């Protein structure tokens, strides 16, 4: 299922995000340099909502304290309480926000796991 309301969604700046924890696939556009070199601004991702997350997976989550905004981060490890420690691949990026700033992410704020970068074509 593709939620078309997300087709123009910007992880760092959008104010609209569907709520709920259902399973499905949504599209997300990357902004910012915090996930360089793997993800670049303008990349489009498919995110599987409710997917099992393992350490090393790239995930989309709601920003703690501003749940209307989404962030794209790497799941580093799972805490004993079930929360996830999320990190940016590029720790030197200006304006980056991850668990070094807000601590472990409560499970309820985890949106899903990135399963595919589909745009731009040809870049793996």
C-alpha atoms as a PDB file:
ATOM      1  CA  UNK A   1       0.000   0.000   0.000  1.00  0.00           C
ATOM      2  CA  UNK A   2       1.410   3.378  -0.986  1.00  0.00           C
ATOM      3  CA  UNK A   3       0.234   6.370   1.018  1.00  0.00           C
ATOM      4  CA  UNK A   4       0.205   9.115  -1.583  1.00  0.00           C
ATOM      5  CA  UNK A   5      -0.024  11.857   1.057  1.00  0.00           C
ATOM      6  CA  UNK A   6       3.651  11.187   1.714  1.00  0.00           C
ATOM      7  CA  UNK A   7       4.734  11.670  -1.896  1.00  0.00           C
ATOM      8  CA  UNK A   8       5.928  15.203  -1.179  1.00  0.00           C
ATOM      9  CA  UNK A   9       6.983  14.515   2.384  1.00  0.00           C
ATOM     10  CA  UNK A  10      10.243  16.057   3.550  1.00  0.00           C
ATOM     11  CA  UNK A  11      11.763  14.295   6.565  1.00  0.00           C
ATOM     12  CA  UNK A  12      13.330  17.386   8.115  1.00  0.00           C
ATOM     13  CA  UNK A  13      10.796  20.078   7.363  1.00  0.00           C
ATOM     14  CA  UNK A  14       7.309  18.740   6.701  1.00  0.00           C
ATOM     15  CA  UNK A  15       4.555  19.316   9.206  1.00  0.00           C
ATOM     16  CA  UNK A  16       2.124  16.669   7.972  1.00  0.00           C
ATOM     17  CA  UNK A  17       2.599  13.003   8.764  1.00  0.00           C
ATOM     18  CA  UNK A  18      -0.008  10.260   8.926  1.00  0.00           C
ATOM     19  CA  UNK A  19      -0.393   8.860  12.429  1.00  0.00           C
ATOM     20  CA  UNK A  20      -0.908   5.248  13.325  1.00  0.00           C
ATOM     21  CA  UNK A  21       1.303   2.197  13.406  1.00  0.00           C
ATOM     22  CA  UNK A  22      -0.154   0.183  10.567  1.00  0.00           C
ATOM     23  CA  UNK A  23       1.940  -1.820   8.156  1.00  0.00           C
ATOM     24  CA  UNK A  24       2.448  -0.383   4.702  1.00  0.00           C
ATOM     25  CA  UNK A  25       4.955   1.308   2.470  1.00  0.00           C
ATOM     26  CA  UNK A  26       5.420   5.058   2.386  1.00  0.00           C
ATOM     27  CA  UNK A  27       7.706   7.356   0.381  1.00  0.00           C
ATOM     28  CA  UNK A  28      10.097   9.798   2.020  1.00  0.00           C
ATOM     29  CA  UNK A  29      12.390  12.432   0.490  1.00  0.00           C
ATOM     30  CA  UNK A  30      15.781  12.960   2.137  1.00  0.00           C
ATOM     31  CA  UNK A  31      16.894  16.458   3.110  1.00  0.00           C
ATOM     32  CA  UNK A  32      20.113  17.472   4.809  1.00  0.00           C
ATOM     33  CA  UNK A  33      23.582  15.961   4.937  1.00  0.00           C
ATOM     34  CA  UNK A  34      23.359  13.879   8.115  1.00  0.00           C
ATOM     35  CA  UNK A  35      23.301  10.538   6.260  1.00  0.00           C
ATOM     36  CA  UNK A  36      26.090  11.224   3.757  1.00  0.00           C
ATOM     37  CA  UNK A  37      27.689   9.441   1.978  1.00  0.00           C
ATOM     38  CA  UNK A  38      25.004   6.734   1.798  1.00  0.00           C
ATOM     39  CA  UNK A  39      21.979   9.012   1.418  1.00  0.00           C
ATOM     40  CA  UNK A  40      22.062  12.391  -0.251  1.00  0.00           C
ATOM     41  CA  UNK A  41      19.626  15.304  -0.267  1.00  0.00           C
ATOM     42  CA  UNK A  42      16.988  14.631  -2.927  1.00  0.00           C
ATOM     43  CA  UNK A  43      17.073  10.834  -2.579  1.00  0.00           C
ATOM     44  CA  UNK A  44      13.647   9.203  -2.388  1.00  0.00           C
ATOM     45  CA  UNK A  45      13.171   6.198  -0.098  1.00  0.00           C
ATOM     46  CA  UNK A  46      10.546   3.516   0.393  1.00  0.00           C
ATOM     47  CA  UNK A  47       9.890   2.924   4.086  1.00  0.00           C
ATOM     48  CA  UNK A  48       8.148  -0.160   5.416  1.00  0.00           C
ATOM     49  CA  UNK A  49       6.014   0.843   8.377  1.00  0.00           C
ATOM     50  CA  UNK A  50       6.001  -1.579  11.273  1.00  0.00           C
ATOM     51  CA  UNK A  51       8.933  -3.614   9.870  1.00  0.00           C
ATOM     52  CA  UNK A  52      11.322  -5.424  12.172  1.00  0.00           C
ATOM     53  CA  UNK A  53      14.380  -3.249  12.845  1.00  0.00           C
ATOM     54  CA  UNK A  54      17.863  -4.641  13.428  1.00  0.00           C
ATOM     55  CA  UNK A  55      21.084  -2.843  14.361  1.00  0.00           C
ATOM     56  CA  UNK A  56      22.569  -1.285  11.236  1.00  0.00           C
ATOM     57  CA  UNK A  57      19.219  -0.668   9.509  1.00  0.00           C
ATOM     58  CA  UNK A  58      18.350   2.795   8.213  1.00  0.00           C
ATOM     59  CA  UNK A  59      15.073   3.925   9.772  1.00  0.00           C
ATOM     60  CA  UNK A  60      12.605   6.803   9.734  1.00  0.00           C
ATOM     61  CA  UNK A  61      11.452   8.124  13.102  1.00  0.00           C
ATOM     62  CA  UNK A  62       9.562  11.030  14.586  1.00  0.00           C
ATOM     63  CA  UNK A  63      11.826  13.661  16.125  1.00  0.00           C
ATOM     64  CA  UNK A  64      11.404  13.584  19.930  1.00  0.00           C
ATOM     65  CA  UNK A  65       9.921  16.867  21.103  1.00  0.00           C
ATOM     66  CA  UNK A  66       8.605  17.684  17.610  1.00  0.00           C
ATOM     67  CA  UNK A  67       6.760  14.541  16.498  1.00  0.00           C
ATOM     68  CA  UNK A  68       5.423  16.216  13.348  1.00  0.00           C
ATOM     69  CA  UNK A  69       8.956  16.120  11.901  1.00  0.00           C
ATOM     70  CA  UNK A  70      10.636  12.985  10.630  1.00  0.00           C
ATOM     71  CA  UNK A  71      14.305  12.049  10.691  1.00  0.00           C
ATOM     72  CA  UNK A  72      16.236   9.420   8.729  1.00  0.00           C
ATOM     73  CA  UNK A  73      18.886   7.705  10.880  1.00  0.00           C
ATOM     74  CA  UNK A  74      20.779   4.454  11.387  1.00  0.00           C
ATOM     75  CA  UNK A  75      19.595   2.158  14.194  1.00  0.00           C
ATOM     76  CA  UNK A  76      22.799   1.552  16.169  1.00  0.00           C
ATOM     77  CA  UNK A  77      21.526  -0.652  19.011  1.00  0.00           C
ATOM     78  CA  UNK A  78      18.456  -1.463  21.046  1.00  0.00           C
ATOM     79  CA  UNK A  79      18.260  -0.449  24.692  1.00  0.00           C
ATOM     80  CA  UNK A  80      17.014  -2.785  27.450  1.00  0.00           C
ATOM     81  CA  UNK A  81      13.760  -0.785  27.676  1.00  0.00           C
ATOM     82  CA  UNK A  82      13.072  -1.382  23.968  1.00  0.00           C
ATOM     83  CA  UNK A  83      14.135   2.073  22.774  1.00  0.00           C
ATOM     84  CA  UNK A  84      16.557   2.521  19.877  1.00  0.00           C
ATOM     85  CA  UNK A  85      19.824   4.450  19.807  1.00  0.00           C
ATOM     86  CA  UNK A  86      19.809   6.278  16.462  1.00  0.00           C
ATOM     87  CA  UNK A  87      22.864   7.854  14.867  1.00  0.00           C
ATOM     88  CA  UNK A  88      23.654   9.976  11.844  1.00  0.00           C
ATOM     89  CA  UNK A  89      26.176   8.499   9.402  1.00  0.00           C
ATOM     90  CA  UNK A  90      27.729  11.963   9.077  1.00  0.00           C
ATOM     91  CA  UNK A  91      28.302  13.237  12.610  1.00  0.00           C
ATOM     92  CA  UNK A  92      29.867  16.444  11.229  1.00  0.00           C
ATOM     93  CA  UNK A  93      26.702  17.548   9.385  1.00  0.00           C
ATOM     94  CA  UNK A  94      25.388  20.913  10.450  1.00  0.00           C
ATOM     95  CA  UNK A  95      22.030  20.718  12.196  1.00  0.00           C
ATOM     96  CA  UNK A  96      22.102  16.944  12.583  1.00  0.00           C
ATOM     97  CA  UNK A  97      19.867  15.520  15.345  1.00  0.00           C
ATOM     98  CA  UNK A  98      20.238  11.990  16.691  1.00  0.00           C
ATOM     99  CA  UNK A  99      20.406  10.066  19.967  1.00  0.00           C
ATOM    100  CA  UNK A 100      23.509  11.990  20.997  1.00  0.00           C
ATOM    101  CA  UNK A 101      21.103  14.934  21.316  1.00  0.00           C
ATOM    102  CA  UNK A 102      17.854  13.328  22.533  1.00  0.00           C
ATOM    103  CA  UNK A 103      18.878   9.937  23.960  1.00  0.00           C
ATOM    104  CA  UNK A 104      17.319   6.576  23.078  1.00  0.00           C
ATOM    105  CA  UNK A 105      14.235   6.829  20.879  1.00  0.00           C
ATOM    106  CA  UNK A 106      11.031   5.480  22.447  1.00  0.00           C
ATOM    107  CA  UNK A 107       9.658   2.631  20.283  1.00  0.00           C
ATOM    108  CA  UNK A 108       6.392   4.495  19.684  1.00  0.00           C
ATOM    109  CA  UNK A 109       8.300   7.160  17.675  1.00  0.00           C
ATOM    110  CA  UNK A 110       9.821   4.656  15.233  1.00  0.00           C
ATOM    111  CA  UNK A 111       7.935   4.899  11.917  1.00  0.00           C
ATOM    112  CA  UNK A 112       9.636   2.164   9.904  1.00  0.00           C
ATOM    113  CA  UNK A 113      12.676   0.704   8.172  1.00  0.00           C
ATOM    114  CA  UNK A 114      14.039   1.977   4.860  1.00  0.00           C
ATOM    115  CA  UNK A 115      13.845  -0.849   2.330  1.00  0.00           C
ATOM    116  CA  UNK A 116      14.841   0.888  -0.912  1.00  0.00           C
ATOM    117  CA  UNK A 117      16.240   4.085  -2.379  1.00  0.00           C
ATOM    118  CA  UNK A 118      14.408   4.386  -5.700  1.00  0.00           C
ATOM    119  CA  UNK A 119      15.449   7.847  -6.868  1.00  0.00           C
ATOM    120  CA  UNK A 120      17.703   8.913  -8.460  1.00  0.00           C
ATOM    121  CA  UNK A 121      17.915   5.836 -10.685  1.00  0.00           C
ATOM    122  CA  UNK A 122      21.279   4.172 -11.171  1.00  0.00           C
ATOM    123  CA  UNK A 123      22.715   5.147  -7.789  1.00  0.00           C
ATOM    124  CA  UNK A 124      23.146   2.214  -5.401  1.00  0.00           C
END
